[in-house]
Amino acid sequence: MVWSLFRRGPAARGLPVPGRCAPGRHVLATERLLLFTPRTRLDVVAALAASADAEAQRWLGTQADEVVPGPDTRRNLLAWRPAGDDGRRIPRGLAEPYAPGPDDPLLLVCVRRSDLSYAGGLELEHRAGEMGGWLAPGCRGQGLGAELFRAGAELAHQHVGLATVRAGAETGNTASRRALARAGFVPDEGPPRHTLPNGRVITSVWHRHDTPTTSRCH
């Protein structure tokens, strides 16, 4: 699987191994990113910390009680690496295992393949066939958004078995819209207005990605 990519050179020594796809858990890679179902609470909280700054929240509108507070706290969380098989110890509360529920959206934490630094997150509402993603502040403006959305399409088509996956964006979010286009998404019809989780109403545009063949990893 993709973990062999980390074991071929000196930089791979000591890096954690979250494993392969399994029921309810997914692993996939792009050129520069690795995405996997979180194993620990640290993975989840770090993924949320990547989207908690004001620039990201302008577009995401997360509910206030789910936004990781304080820039120092967010920086400290993003400075960690996924812990586990490398033997590193993390605070007890953050080391608790993460077990996704059967009805929860699919959440994948995103890390850089070069050093496994936390880079963002991807969420797929597999029942509705809709996805969204975000990148940490230090990972924006580098073309990683297109890789993230390509991974989302692969997750939907080749891991979950969806022929079509859709993504919405605020009309003014040109970076997200450009990344979706580079990932192969095309314009689609959809509600012109959308209510974010925090209640803010935005104008929206929609995109879709289709495939004639689908599969499931389990």
N, C-alpha and C. Protein backbone atom coordinates (compact mmCIF):
# COMPACT_ATOMS: atom_id res chain seq x y z
N MET A 1 0.83 -1.19 0.00
CA MET A 1 0.00 0.00 0.00
C MET A 1 0.88 1.25 0.00
N VAL A 2 0.24 2.40 0.21
CA VAL A 2 0.96 3.67 0.09
C VAL A 2 2.06 3.82 1.12
N TRP A 3 1.99 3.05 2.24
CA TRP A 3 3.02 3.25 3.26
C TRP A 3 4.40 2.84 2.80
N SER A 4 4.51 1.99 1.80
CA SER A 4 5.83 1.65 1.29
C SER A 4 6.54 2.87 0.75
N LEU A 5 5.79 3.90 0.36
CA LEU A 5 6.39 5.13 -0.15
C LEU A 5 7.23 5.81 0.91
N PHE A 6 6.87 5.62 2.19
CA PHE A 6 7.59 6.27 3.27
C PHE A 6 8.82 5.49 3.70
N ARG A 7 8.92 4.23 3.31
CA ARG A 7 9.96 3.38 3.86
C ARG A 7 11.14 3.21 2.92
N ARG A 8 11.21 4.04 1.90
CA ARG A 8 12.26 3.87 0.91
C ARG A 8 13.46 4.77 1.14
N GLY A 9 13.36 5.71 2.06
CA GLY A 9 14.47 6.64 2.25
C GLY A 9 14.64 7.01 3.69
N PRO A 10 15.72 7.77 4.00
CA PRO A 10 16.00 8.14 5.38
C PRO A 10 14.85 8.89 6.05
N ALA A 11 14.12 9.74 5.29
CA ALA A 11 13.06 10.52 5.91
C ALA A 11 11.92 9.65 6.41
N ALA A 12 11.87 8.38 5.98
CA ALA A 12 10.76 7.51 6.36
C ALA A 12 10.97 6.85 7.71
N ARG A 13 12.17 6.86 8.25
CA ARG A 13 12.45 6.14 9.48
C ARG A 13 11.65 6.72 10.64
N GLY A 14 11.00 5.83 11.38
CA GLY A 14 10.30 6.26 12.58
C GLY A 14 8.94 6.87 12.35
N LEU A 15 8.48 6.93 11.12
CA LEU A 15 7.18 7.52 10.88
C LEU A 15 6.07 6.54 11.22
N PRO A 16 4.94 7.05 11.71
CA PRO A 16 3.86 6.16 12.11
C PRO A 16 3.16 5.52 10.92
N VAL A 17 2.55 4.38 11.15
CA VAL A 17 1.89 3.62 10.09
C VAL A 17 0.42 3.44 10.46
N PRO A 18 -0.49 4.25 9.91
CA PRO A 18 -1.89 4.09 10.29
C PRO A 18 -2.59 2.91 9.64
N GLY A 19 -1.95 2.24 8.69
CA GLY A 19 -2.51 1.00 8.17
C GLY A 19 -3.15 1.10 6.81
N ARG A 20 -3.91 0.08 6.45
CA ARG A 20 -4.55 -0.03 5.15
C ARG A 20 -6.03 0.27 5.26
N CYS A 21 -6.69 0.31 4.11
CA CYS A 21 -8.14 0.42 4.13
C CYS A 21 -8.73 -0.80 4.85
N ALA A 22 -9.77 -0.55 5.61
CA ALA A 22 -10.48 -1.59 6.35
C ALA A 22 -11.91 -1.11 6.48
N PRO A 23 -12.83 -1.97 6.90
CA PRO A 23 -14.21 -1.51 7.04
C PRO A 23 -14.31 -0.25 7.88
N GLY A 24 -14.85 0.82 7.30
CA GLY A 24 -14.98 2.09 8.00
C GLY A 24 -13.74 2.94 8.03
N ARG A 25 -12.64 2.47 7.43
CA ARG A 25 -11.39 3.22 7.45
C ARG A 25 -10.77 3.22 6.05
N HIS A 26 -10.19 4.36 5.68
CA HIS A 26 -9.67 4.53 4.33
C HIS A 26 -8.29 5.16 4.36
N VAL A 27 -7.47 4.80 3.39
CA VAL A 27 -6.14 5.37 3.20
C VAL A 27 -5.97 5.62 1.71
N LEU A 28 -5.54 6.83 1.32
CA LEU A 28 -5.22 7.11 -0.08
C LEU A 28 -4.18 8.21 -0.15
N ALA A 29 -3.53 8.31 -1.29
CA ALA A 29 -2.41 9.23 -1.45
C ALA A 29 -2.50 9.97 -2.76
N THR A 30 -1.96 11.20 -2.77
CA THR A 30 -1.73 11.96 -3.98
C THR A 30 -0.23 12.16 -4.11
N GLU A 31 0.17 13.01 -5.01
CA GLU A 31 1.60 13.24 -5.21
C GLU A 31 2.27 13.74 -3.94
N ARG A 32 1.62 14.67 -3.24
CA ARG A 32 2.25 15.28 -2.06
C ARG A 32 1.50 15.08 -0.76
N LEU A 33 0.34 14.46 -0.82
CA LEU A 33 -0.50 14.33 0.37
C LEU A 33 -0.83 12.87 0.65
N LEU A 34 -1.04 12.59 1.92
CA LEU A 34 -1.56 11.31 2.36
C LEU A 34 -2.81 11.60 3.19
N LEU A 35 -3.87 10.84 2.93
CA LEU A 35 -5.13 11.02 3.64
C LEU A 35 -5.55 9.69 4.25
N PHE A 36 -6.03 9.74 5.49
CA PHE A 36 -6.45 8.50 6.15
C PHE A 36 -7.48 8.81 7.23
N THR A 37 -8.30 7.82 7.52
CA THR A 37 -9.26 7.95 8.61
C THR A 37 -8.49 8.15 9.91
N PRO A 38 -8.83 9.16 10.69
CA PRO A 38 -8.09 9.40 11.94
C PRO A 38 -8.06 8.17 12.83
N ARG A 39 -6.91 7.98 13.46
CA ARG A 39 -6.78 6.88 14.42
C ARG A 39 -6.94 7.36 15.84
N THR A 40 -6.56 8.60 16.11
CA THR A 40 -6.60 9.13 17.48
C THR A 40 -7.34 10.45 17.51
N ARG A 41 -7.66 10.88 18.73
CA ARG A 41 -8.31 12.18 18.89
C ARG A 41 -7.37 13.29 18.42
N LEU A 42 -6.06 13.12 18.55
CA LEU A 42 -5.11 14.12 18.06
C LEU A 42 -5.32 14.34 16.57
N ASP A 43 -5.47 13.28 15.79
CA ASP A 43 -5.69 13.41 14.35
C ASP A 43 -6.92 14.27 14.07
N VAL A 44 -8.01 14.01 14.81
CA VAL A 44 -9.25 14.76 14.59
C VAL A 44 -9.08 16.22 14.96
N VAL A 45 -8.53 16.48 16.15
CA VAL A 45 -8.41 17.85 16.63
C VAL A 45 -7.43 18.64 15.76
N ALA A 46 -6.35 18.00 15.31
CA ALA A 46 -5.40 18.69 14.45
C ALA A 46 -6.04 19.04 13.11
N ALA A 47 -6.85 18.12 12.58
CA ALA A 47 -7.55 18.42 11.32
C ALA A 47 -8.49 19.61 11.50
N LEU A 48 -9.17 19.67 12.64
CA LEU A 48 -10.05 20.80 12.91
C LEU A 48 -9.25 22.09 13.12
N ALA A 49 -8.09 21.97 13.77
CA ALA A 49 -7.25 23.15 13.99
C ALA A 49 -6.79 23.75 12.67
N ALA A 50 -6.64 22.91 11.66
CA ALA A 50 -6.19 23.40 10.35
C ALA A 50 -7.23 24.30 9.69
N SER A 51 -8.47 24.23 10.17
CA SER A 51 -9.54 25.02 9.54
C SER A 51 -10.11 26.08 10.45
N ALA A 52 -9.45 26.35 11.59
CA ALA A 52 -10.05 27.21 12.61
C ALA A 52 -9.64 28.68 12.51
N ASP A 53 -8.73 29.02 11.62
CA ASP A 53 -8.32 30.42 11.50
C ASP A 53 -9.40 31.22 10.78
N ALA A 54 -9.30 32.54 10.91
CA ALA A 54 -10.35 33.42 10.38
C ALA A 54 -10.51 33.29 8.87
N GLU A 55 -9.41 33.11 8.15
CA GLU A 55 -9.50 33.00 6.69
C GLU A 55 -10.32 31.77 6.29
N ALA A 56 -10.05 30.62 6.94
CA ALA A 56 -10.80 29.41 6.62
C ALA A 56 -12.25 29.53 7.06
N GLN A 57 -12.47 30.08 8.24
CA GLN A 57 -13.82 30.17 8.77
C GLN A 57 -14.70 31.14 7.99
N ARG A 58 -14.08 32.04 7.27
CA ARG A 58 -14.86 32.92 6.39
C ARG A 58 -15.66 32.10 5.40
N TRP A 59 -15.10 30.96 4.97
CA TRP A 59 -15.77 30.13 3.97
C TRP A 59 -16.49 28.94 4.60
N LEU A 60 -15.97 28.40 5.70
CA LEU A 60 -16.52 27.18 6.26
C LEU A 60 -17.67 27.42 7.22
N GLY A 61 -17.58 28.46 8.04
CA GLY A 61 -18.66 28.77 8.97
C GLY A 61 -18.97 27.64 9.94
N THR A 62 -17.94 27.07 10.56
CA THR A 62 -18.14 25.98 11.51
C THR A 62 -18.86 26.48 12.76
N GLN A 63 -19.65 25.62 13.38
CA GLN A 63 -20.30 25.99 14.63
C GLN A 63 -19.24 26.37 15.65
N ALA A 64 -19.56 27.39 16.45
CA ALA A 64 -18.57 27.97 17.36
C ALA A 64 -17.96 26.94 18.31
N ASP A 65 -18.77 26.00 18.81
CA ASP A 65 -18.25 25.03 19.77
C ASP A 65 -17.38 23.96 19.13
N GLU A 66 -17.24 23.98 17.81
CA GLU A 66 -16.38 23.03 17.12
C GLU A 66 -15.12 23.69 16.55
N VAL A 67 -14.95 24.98 16.78
CA VAL A 67 -13.77 25.70 16.30
C VAL A 67 -12.70 25.64 17.38
N VAL A 68 -11.51 25.17 17.04
CA VAL A 68 -10.41 25.10 17.99
C VAL A 68 -9.98 26.53 18.33
N PRO A 69 -10.09 26.95 19.60
CA PRO A 69 -9.83 28.35 19.93
C PRO A 69 -8.34 28.66 20.08
N GLY A 70 -7.98 29.91 19.80
CA GLY A 70 -6.65 30.40 20.09
C GLY A 70 -5.60 30.03 19.07
N PRO A 71 -4.93 31.03 18.47
CA PRO A 71 -3.90 30.73 17.48
C PRO A 71 -2.74 29.93 18.04
N ASP A 72 -2.36 30.15 19.31
CA ASP A 72 -1.26 29.38 19.89
C ASP A 72 -1.63 27.91 20.03
N THR A 73 -2.85 27.65 20.46
CA THR A 73 -3.31 26.26 20.58
C THR A 73 -3.30 25.59 19.23
N ARG A 74 -3.77 26.28 18.21
CA ARG A 74 -3.81 25.70 16.87
C ARG A 74 -2.40 25.43 16.36
N ARG A 75 -1.50 26.37 16.55
CA ARG A 75 -0.12 26.15 16.10
C ARG A 75 0.50 24.95 16.80
N ASN A 76 0.25 24.81 18.12
CA ASN A 76 0.81 23.69 18.86
C ASN A 76 0.27 22.36 18.35
N LEU A 77 -1.02 22.32 18.05
CA LEU A 77 -1.61 21.09 17.54
C LEU A 77 -1.03 20.72 16.18
N LEU A 78 -0.89 21.72 15.30
CA LEU A 78 -0.38 21.46 13.96
C LEU A 78 1.11 21.13 13.96
N ALA A 79 1.80 21.42 15.07
CA ALA A 79 3.22 21.10 15.16
C ALA A 79 3.46 19.62 15.46
N TRP A 80 2.42 18.91 15.92
CA TRP A 80 2.55 17.49 16.17
C TRP A 80 2.60 16.71 14.85
N ARG A 81 3.01 15.46 14.95
CA ARG A 81 2.88 14.51 13.86
C ARG A 81 1.94 13.41 14.33
N PRO A 82 1.26 12.72 13.41
CA PRO A 82 0.40 11.62 13.85
C PRO A 82 1.21 10.64 14.69
N ALA A 83 0.76 10.38 15.89
CA ALA A 83 1.52 9.53 16.81
C ALA A 83 0.93 8.13 16.82
N GLY A 84 1.75 7.17 17.14
CA GLY A 84 1.28 5.79 17.19
C GLY A 84 2.43 4.82 17.05
N ASP A 85 2.64 4.34 15.84
CA ASP A 85 3.64 3.30 15.64
C ASP A 85 5.07 3.81 15.75
N ASP A 86 5.25 5.12 15.81
CA ASP A 86 6.61 5.65 15.99
C ASP A 86 7.00 5.66 17.46
N GLY A 87 6.08 5.30 18.36
CA GLY A 87 6.41 5.21 19.77
C GLY A 87 6.38 6.53 20.52
N ARG A 88 6.11 7.63 19.84
CA ARG A 88 6.07 8.93 20.53
C ARG A 88 4.85 9.00 21.44
N ARG A 89 4.99 9.68 22.54
CA ARG A 89 3.89 9.82 23.48
C ARG A 89 3.23 11.18 23.29
N ILE A 90 1.94 11.17 23.31
CA ILE A 90 1.16 12.41 23.24
C ILE A 90 0.29 12.48 24.48
N PRO A 91 -0.25 13.66 24.81
CA PRO A 91 -1.10 13.77 26.00
C PRO A 91 -2.21 12.73 25.99
N ARG A 92 -2.52 12.23 27.18
CA ARG A 92 -3.43 11.10 27.30
C ARG A 92 -4.76 11.35 26.59
N GLY A 93 -5.35 12.53 26.78
CA GLY A 93 -6.64 12.81 26.17
C GLY A 93 -6.60 12.78 24.65
N LEU A 94 -5.48 13.22 24.07
CA LEU A 94 -5.36 13.24 22.61
C LEU A 94 -4.97 11.88 22.04
N ALA A 95 -4.51 10.96 22.90
CA ALA A 95 -4.12 9.64 22.44
C ALA A 95 -5.29 8.68 22.37
N GLU A 96 -6.47 9.10 22.81
CA GLU A 96 -7.63 8.22 22.79
C GLU A 96 -7.94 7.81 21.34
N PRO A 97 -8.29 6.54 21.13
CA PRO A 97 -8.61 6.08 19.77
C PRO A 97 -9.84 6.79 19.22
N TYR A 98 -9.84 6.98 17.92
CA TYR A 98 -10.99 7.56 17.23
C TYR A 98 -11.73 6.45 16.50
N ALA A 99 -13.02 6.34 16.78
CA ALA A 99 -13.84 5.32 16.14
C ALA A 99 -15.01 6.01 15.45
N PRO A 100 -14.98 6.12 14.12
CA PRO A 100 -16.08 6.78 13.42
C PRO A 100 -17.38 6.00 13.56
N GLY A 101 -18.48 6.72 13.69
CA GLY A 101 -19.78 6.09 13.77
C GLY A 101 -20.29 5.72 12.39
N PRO A 102 -21.18 4.75 12.29
CA PRO A 102 -21.66 4.28 10.98
C PRO A 102 -22.43 5.34 10.21
N ASP A 103 -23.02 6.30 10.90
CA ASP A 103 -23.80 7.33 10.23
C ASP A 103 -23.05 8.66 10.10
N ASP A 104 -21.82 8.71 10.61
CA ASP A 104 -21.04 9.94 10.53
C ASP A 104 -20.54 10.18 9.11
N PRO A 105 -20.36 11.44 8.72
CA PRO A 105 -19.65 11.69 7.46
C PRO A 105 -18.26 11.08 7.52
N LEU A 106 -17.72 10.71 6.37
CA LEU A 106 -16.36 10.18 6.34
C LEU A 106 -15.38 11.32 6.49
N LEU A 107 -14.59 11.29 7.56
CA LEU A 107 -13.57 12.30 7.81
C LEU A 107 -12.21 11.68 7.57
N LEU A 108 -11.40 12.33 6.73
CA LEU A 108 -10.01 11.92 6.52
C LEU A 108 -9.10 13.06 6.93
N VAL A 109 -8.11 12.75 7.74
CA VAL A 109 -7.09 13.74 8.07
C VAL A 109 -6.06 13.74 6.95
N CYS A 110 -5.52 14.89 6.66
CA CYS A 110 -4.59 15.07 5.54
C CYS A 110 -3.23 15.48 6.07
N VAL A 111 -2.18 14.80 5.64
CA VAL A 111 -0.81 15.14 6.05
C VAL A 111 0.08 15.21 4.81
N ARG A 112 1.19 15.91 4.94
CA ARG A 112 2.17 15.95 3.86
C ARG A 112 2.94 14.63 3.82
N ARG A 113 3.14 14.11 2.63
CA ARG A 113 3.90 12.88 2.51
C ARG A 113 5.37 13.09 2.86
N SER A 114 5.89 14.28 2.71
CA SER A 114 7.32 14.51 2.92
C SER A 114 7.72 14.34 4.38
N ASP A 115 6.87 14.76 5.31
CA ASP A 115 7.24 14.68 6.73
C ASP A 115 6.07 14.35 7.66
N LEU A 116 4.88 14.08 7.10
CA LEU A 116 3.67 13.77 7.85
C LEU A 116 3.19 14.92 8.72
N SER A 117 3.54 16.15 8.38
CA SER A 117 2.97 17.29 9.10
C SER A 117 1.50 17.42 8.73
N TYR A 118 0.67 17.78 9.72
CA TYR A 118 -0.76 17.92 9.46
C TYR A 118 -1.00 19.02 8.44
N ALA A 119 -1.83 18.71 7.45
CA ALA A 119 -2.04 19.64 6.33
C ALA A 119 -3.49 20.04 6.14
N GLY A 120 -4.45 19.33 6.74
CA GLY A 120 -5.85 19.71 6.54
C GLY A 120 -6.78 18.53 6.75
N GLY A 121 -7.92 18.58 6.10
CA GLY A 121 -8.91 17.52 6.25
C GLY A 121 -9.84 17.45 5.06
N LEU A 122 -10.51 16.32 4.95
CA LEU A 122 -11.47 16.08 3.88
C LEU A 122 -12.68 15.41 4.50
N GLU A 123 -13.88 15.86 4.12
CA GLU A 123 -15.11 15.28 4.65
C GLU A 123 -16.03 14.91 3.50
N LEU A 124 -16.54 13.68 3.54
CA LEU A 124 -17.47 13.21 2.52
C LEU A 124 -18.77 12.80 3.18
N GLU A 125 -19.85 13.49 2.82
CA GLU A 125 -21.19 13.08 3.22
C GLU A 125 -21.63 12.01 2.22
N HIS A 126 -21.31 10.75 2.57
CA HIS A 126 -21.47 9.68 1.58
C HIS A 126 -22.92 9.40 1.25
N ARG A 127 -23.83 9.69 2.14
CA ARG A 127 -25.25 9.47 1.83
C ARG A 127 -25.78 10.53 0.87
N ALA A 128 -25.34 11.77 1.05
CA ALA A 128 -25.78 12.85 0.16
C ALA A 128 -24.90 12.97 -1.07
N GLY A 129 -23.72 12.33 -1.06
CA GLY A 129 -22.81 12.43 -2.19
C GLY A 129 -22.17 13.79 -2.31
N GLU A 130 -21.89 14.45 -1.17
CA GLU A 130 -21.29 15.78 -1.18
C GLU A 130 -20.01 15.77 -0.35
N MET A 131 -19.02 16.54 -0.79
CA MET A 131 -17.75 16.57 -0.11
C MET A 131 -17.25 18.00 0.08
N GLY A 132 -16.34 18.16 1.01
CA GLY A 132 -15.68 19.44 1.24
C GLY A 132 -14.30 19.18 1.82
N GLY A 133 -13.43 20.16 1.76
CA GLY A 133 -12.09 19.99 2.29
C GLY A 133 -11.47 21.32 2.65
N TRP A 134 -10.37 21.25 3.40
CA TRP A 134 -9.68 22.46 3.83
C TRP A 134 -8.20 22.17 4.03
N LEU A 135 -7.40 23.22 3.99
CA LEU A 135 -5.96 23.10 4.18
C LEU A 135 -5.51 24.01 5.32
N ALA A 136 -4.47 23.59 6.01
CA ALA A 136 -3.88 24.41 7.07
C ALA A 136 -3.26 25.67 6.47
N PRO A 137 -3.13 26.74 7.26
CA PRO A 137 -2.60 28.00 6.71
C PRO A 137 -1.29 27.85 5.97
N GLY A 138 -0.37 27.04 6.48
CA GLY A 138 0.93 26.90 5.83
C GLY A 138 0.92 26.06 4.58
N CYS A 139 -0.24 25.51 4.22
CA CYS A 139 -0.33 24.63 3.05
C CYS A 139 -1.13 25.25 1.91
N ARG A 140 -1.58 26.48 2.09
CA ARG A 140 -2.40 27.11 1.07
C ARG A 140 -1.53 27.81 0.02
N GLY A 141 -2.10 28.00 -1.16
CA GLY A 141 -1.40 28.69 -2.22
C GLY A 141 -0.30 27.90 -2.87
N GLN A 142 -0.32 26.57 -2.74
CA GLN A 142 0.73 25.71 -3.29
C GLN A 142 0.18 24.65 -4.25
N GLY A 143 -1.08 24.80 -4.62
CA GLY A 143 -1.68 23.81 -5.52
C GLY A 143 -2.15 22.55 -4.84
N LEU A 144 -2.11 22.52 -3.50
CA LEU A 144 -2.51 21.31 -2.78
C LEU A 144 -4.02 21.14 -2.75
N GLY A 145 -4.76 22.24 -2.95
CA GLY A 145 -6.22 22.13 -2.96
C GLY A 145 -6.71 21.20 -4.05
N ALA A 146 -6.12 21.29 -5.23
CA ALA A 146 -6.52 20.41 -6.33
C ALA A 146 -6.23 18.95 -5.98
N GLU A 147 -5.08 18.69 -5.35
CA GLU A 147 -4.76 17.32 -4.94
C GLU A 147 -5.76 16.83 -3.90
N LEU A 148 -6.13 17.70 -2.98
CA LEU A 148 -7.10 17.33 -1.94
C LEU A 148 -8.44 16.96 -2.56
N PHE A 149 -8.91 17.76 -3.51
CA PHE A 149 -10.21 17.47 -4.13
C PHE A 149 -10.14 16.26 -5.06
N ARG A 150 -9.00 16.03 -5.69
CA ARG A 150 -8.84 14.81 -6.48
C ARG A 150 -8.93 13.58 -5.57
N ALA A 151 -8.33 13.70 -4.39
CA ALA A 151 -8.43 12.61 -3.43
C ALA A 151 -9.87 12.40 -2.99
N GLY A 152 -10.62 13.49 -2.84
CA GLY A 152 -12.02 13.37 -2.48
C GLY A 152 -12.83 12.64 -3.53
N ALA A 153 -12.53 12.94 -4.80
CA ALA A 153 -13.22 12.24 -5.89
C ALA A 153 -12.85 10.76 -5.89
N GLU A 154 -11.58 10.45 -5.67
CA GLU A 154 -11.15 9.05 -5.61
C GLU A 154 -11.82 8.33 -4.45
N LEU A 155 -11.90 8.98 -3.30
CA LEU A 155 -12.57 8.39 -2.15
C LEU A 155 -14.02 8.05 -2.49
N ALA A 156 -14.70 9.00 -3.11
CA ALA A 156 -16.11 8.79 -3.45
C ALA A 156 -16.29 7.68 -4.48
N HIS A 157 -15.49 7.71 -5.54
CA HIS A 157 -15.69 6.79 -6.65
C HIS A 157 -15.13 5.39 -6.39
N GLN A 158 -13.89 5.33 -5.86
CA GLN A 158 -13.19 4.06 -5.79
C GLN A 158 -13.20 3.41 -4.41
N HIS A 159 -13.57 4.15 -3.39
CA HIS A 159 -13.62 3.57 -2.04
C HIS A 159 -15.05 3.40 -1.54
N VAL A 160 -15.95 4.31 -1.94
CA VAL A 160 -17.32 4.32 -1.43
C VAL A 160 -18.32 3.85 -2.48
N GLY A 161 -17.93 3.90 -3.76
CA GLY A 161 -18.80 3.41 -4.82
C GLY A 161 -19.80 4.41 -5.34
N LEU A 162 -19.51 5.71 -5.22
CA LEU A 162 -20.42 6.74 -5.73
C LEU A 162 -20.05 7.10 -7.16
N ALA A 163 -21.03 7.11 -8.06
CA ALA A 163 -20.77 7.50 -9.44
C ALA A 163 -20.62 9.00 -9.58
N THR A 164 -21.26 9.77 -8.70
CA THR A 164 -21.21 11.22 -8.74
C THR A 164 -20.95 11.76 -7.34
N VAL A 165 -20.07 12.75 -7.26
CA VAL A 165 -19.85 13.46 -6.01
C VAL A 165 -19.91 14.95 -6.31
N ARG A 166 -20.51 15.71 -5.41
CA ARG A 166 -20.70 17.14 -5.61
C ARG A 166 -19.98 17.93 -4.53
N ALA A 167 -19.63 19.16 -4.86
CA ALA A 167 -19.00 20.06 -3.91
C ALA A 167 -19.52 21.47 -4.15
N GLY A 168 -19.85 22.15 -3.08
CA GLY A 168 -20.30 23.54 -3.18
C GLY A 168 -19.21 24.49 -2.72
N ALA A 169 -19.30 25.72 -3.18
CA ALA A 169 -18.34 26.74 -2.77
C ALA A 169 -19.04 28.09 -2.75
N GLU A 170 -18.60 28.95 -1.86
CA GLU A 170 -19.13 30.31 -1.87
C GLU A 170 -18.71 31.00 -3.15
N THR A 171 -19.59 31.81 -3.69
CA THR A 171 -19.32 32.44 -4.99
C THR A 171 -17.99 33.17 -5.01
N GLY A 172 -17.64 33.83 -3.92
CA GLY A 172 -16.40 34.60 -3.88
C GLY A 172 -15.16 33.81 -3.54
N ASN A 173 -15.30 32.53 -3.28
CA ASN A 173 -14.14 31.71 -2.91
C ASN A 173 -13.45 31.21 -4.18
N THR A 174 -12.73 32.10 -4.81
CA THR A 174 -12.09 31.76 -6.10
C THR A 174 -11.03 30.68 -5.96
N ALA A 175 -10.34 30.63 -4.82
CA ALA A 175 -9.30 29.61 -4.64
C ALA A 175 -9.91 28.22 -4.63
N SER A 176 -11.01 28.05 -3.92
CA SER A 176 -11.67 26.75 -3.87
C SER A 176 -12.25 26.37 -5.23
N ARG A 177 -12.86 27.32 -5.89
CA ARG A 177 -13.45 27.04 -7.19
C ARG A 177 -12.38 26.66 -8.21
N ARG A 178 -11.25 27.35 -8.16
CA ARG A 178 -10.15 27.03 -9.07
C ARG A 178 -9.58 25.65 -8.77
N ALA A 179 -9.46 25.31 -7.48
CA ALA A 179 -8.94 23.99 -7.12
C ALA A 179 -9.87 22.88 -7.57
N LEU A 180 -11.17 23.10 -7.43
CA LEU A 180 -12.14 22.10 -7.89
C LEU A 180 -12.03 21.89 -9.40
N ALA A 181 -11.89 22.98 -10.14
CA ALA A 181 -11.76 22.86 -11.59
C ALA A 181 -10.50 22.09 -11.96
N ARG A 182 -9.40 22.37 -11.29
CA ARG A 182 -8.14 21.66 -11.57
C ARG A 182 -8.22 20.19 -11.19
N ALA A 183 -9.11 19.88 -10.25
CA ALA A 183 -9.29 18.48 -9.84
C ALA A 183 -10.25 17.73 -10.75
N GLY A 184 -10.77 18.40 -11.78
CA GLY A 184 -11.65 17.73 -12.73
C GLY A 184 -13.12 17.88 -12.47
N PHE A 185 -13.50 18.70 -11.49
CA PHE A 185 -14.91 18.96 -11.24
C PHE A 185 -15.44 19.95 -12.28
N VAL A 186 -16.69 19.79 -12.63
CA VAL A 186 -17.32 20.66 -13.62
C VAL A 186 -18.52 21.35 -12.98
N PRO A 187 -18.94 22.52 -13.53
CA PRO A 187 -20.09 23.24 -12.96
C PRO A 187 -21.34 22.37 -12.95
N ASP A 188 -22.15 22.56 -11.93
CA ASP A 188 -23.37 21.79 -11.78
C ASP A 188 -24.47 22.71 -11.24
N GLU A 189 -25.69 22.31 -11.41
CA GLU A 189 -26.80 23.06 -10.85
C GLU A 189 -26.90 22.79 -9.35
N GLY A 190 -27.41 23.76 -8.63
CA GLY A 190 -27.57 23.61 -7.19
C GLY A 190 -28.18 24.84 -6.58
N PRO A 191 -28.56 24.78 -5.32
CA PRO A 191 -29.18 25.93 -4.66
C PRO A 191 -28.27 27.16 -4.73
N PRO A 192 -28.80 28.30 -5.11
CA PRO A 192 -27.96 29.50 -5.21
C PRO A 192 -27.58 30.09 -3.85
N ARG A 193 -28.25 29.64 -2.81
CA ARG A 193 -27.94 30.09 -1.46
C ARG A 193 -27.80 28.88 -0.56
N HIS A 194 -26.87 28.99 0.38
CA HIS A 194 -26.56 27.86 1.25
C HIS A 194 -26.35 28.38 2.67
N THR A 195 -26.87 27.66 3.65
CA THR A 195 -26.70 28.04 5.05
C THR A 195 -25.56 27.23 5.66
N LEU A 196 -24.54 27.94 6.15
CA LEU A 196 -23.40 27.29 6.78
C LEU A 196 -23.78 26.78 8.17
N PRO A 197 -22.97 25.88 8.75
CA PRO A 197 -23.31 25.34 10.07
C PRO A 197 -23.52 26.40 11.15
N ASN A 198 -22.84 27.55 11.03
CA ASN A 198 -23.01 28.60 12.05
C ASN A 198 -24.21 29.50 11.77
N GLY A 199 -24.98 29.19 10.73
CA GLY A 199 -26.19 29.94 10.43
C GLY A 199 -26.02 31.02 9.39
N ARG A 200 -24.79 31.32 8.98
CA ARG A 200 -24.58 32.37 7.97
C ARG A 200 -25.03 31.87 6.60
N VAL A 201 -25.77 32.69 5.89
CA VAL A 201 -26.26 32.33 4.56
C VAL A 201 -25.32 32.92 3.51
N ILE A 202 -24.89 32.10 2.57
CA ILE A 202 -23.97 32.54 1.53
C ILE A 202 -24.57 32.27 0.15
N THR A 203 -24.06 32.99 -0.84
CA THR A 203 -24.37 32.63 -2.23
C THR A 203 -23.41 31.52 -2.63
N SER A 204 -23.90 30.55 -3.38
CA SER A 204 -23.09 29.37 -3.63
C SER A 204 -23.12 28.95 -5.09
N VAL A 205 -22.07 28.28 -5.48
CA VAL A 205 -21.99 27.62 -6.78
C VAL A 205 -21.63 26.17 -6.53
N TRP A 206 -22.02 25.30 -7.48
CA TRP A 206 -21.85 23.87 -7.27
C TRP A 206 -21.05 23.23 -8.39
N HIS A 207 -20.35 22.16 -8.04
CA HIS A 207 -19.53 21.42 -8.99
C HIS A 207 -19.77 19.93 -8.79
N ARG A 208 -19.47 19.15 -9.82
CA ARG A 208 -19.65 17.71 -9.73
C ARG A 208 -18.50 16.99 -10.41
N HIS A 209 -18.29 15.76 -9.97
CA HIS A 209 -17.29 14.89 -10.57
C HIS A 209 -17.94 13.53 -10.78
N ASP A 210 -17.88 13.03 -12.02
CA ASP A 210 -18.55 11.78 -12.38
C ASP A 210 -17.54 10.75 -12.86
N THR A 211 -17.93 9.49 -12.74
CA THR A 211 -17.14 8.40 -13.30
C THR A 211 -18.08 7.32 -13.79
N PRO A 212 -17.75 6.64 -14.90
CA PRO A 212 -18.61 5.56 -15.39
C PRO A 212 -18.40 4.26 -14.62
N THR A 213 -17.30 4.15 -13.89
CA THR A 213 -17.02 2.91 -13.15
C THR A 213 -16.75 3.24 -11.69
N THR A 214 -17.29 2.45 -10.80
CA THR A 214 -17.09 2.65 -9.36
C THR A 214 -16.63 1.35 -8.73
N SER A 215 -16.11 1.48 -7.53
CA SER A 215 -15.72 0.29 -6.75
C SER A 215 -15.75 0.65 -5.27
N ARG A 216 -15.63 -0.36 -4.45
CA ARG A 216 -15.56 -0.18 -3.00
C ARG A 216 -14.32 -0.90 -2.49
N CYS A 217 -13.64 -0.27 -1.55
CA CYS A 217 -12.44 -0.90 -1.03
C CYS A 217 -12.79 -2.04 -0.05
N HIS A 218 -14.05 -1.98 0.48
CA HIS A 218 -14.51 -3.07 1.37
C HIS A 218 -16.01 -3.23 1.21
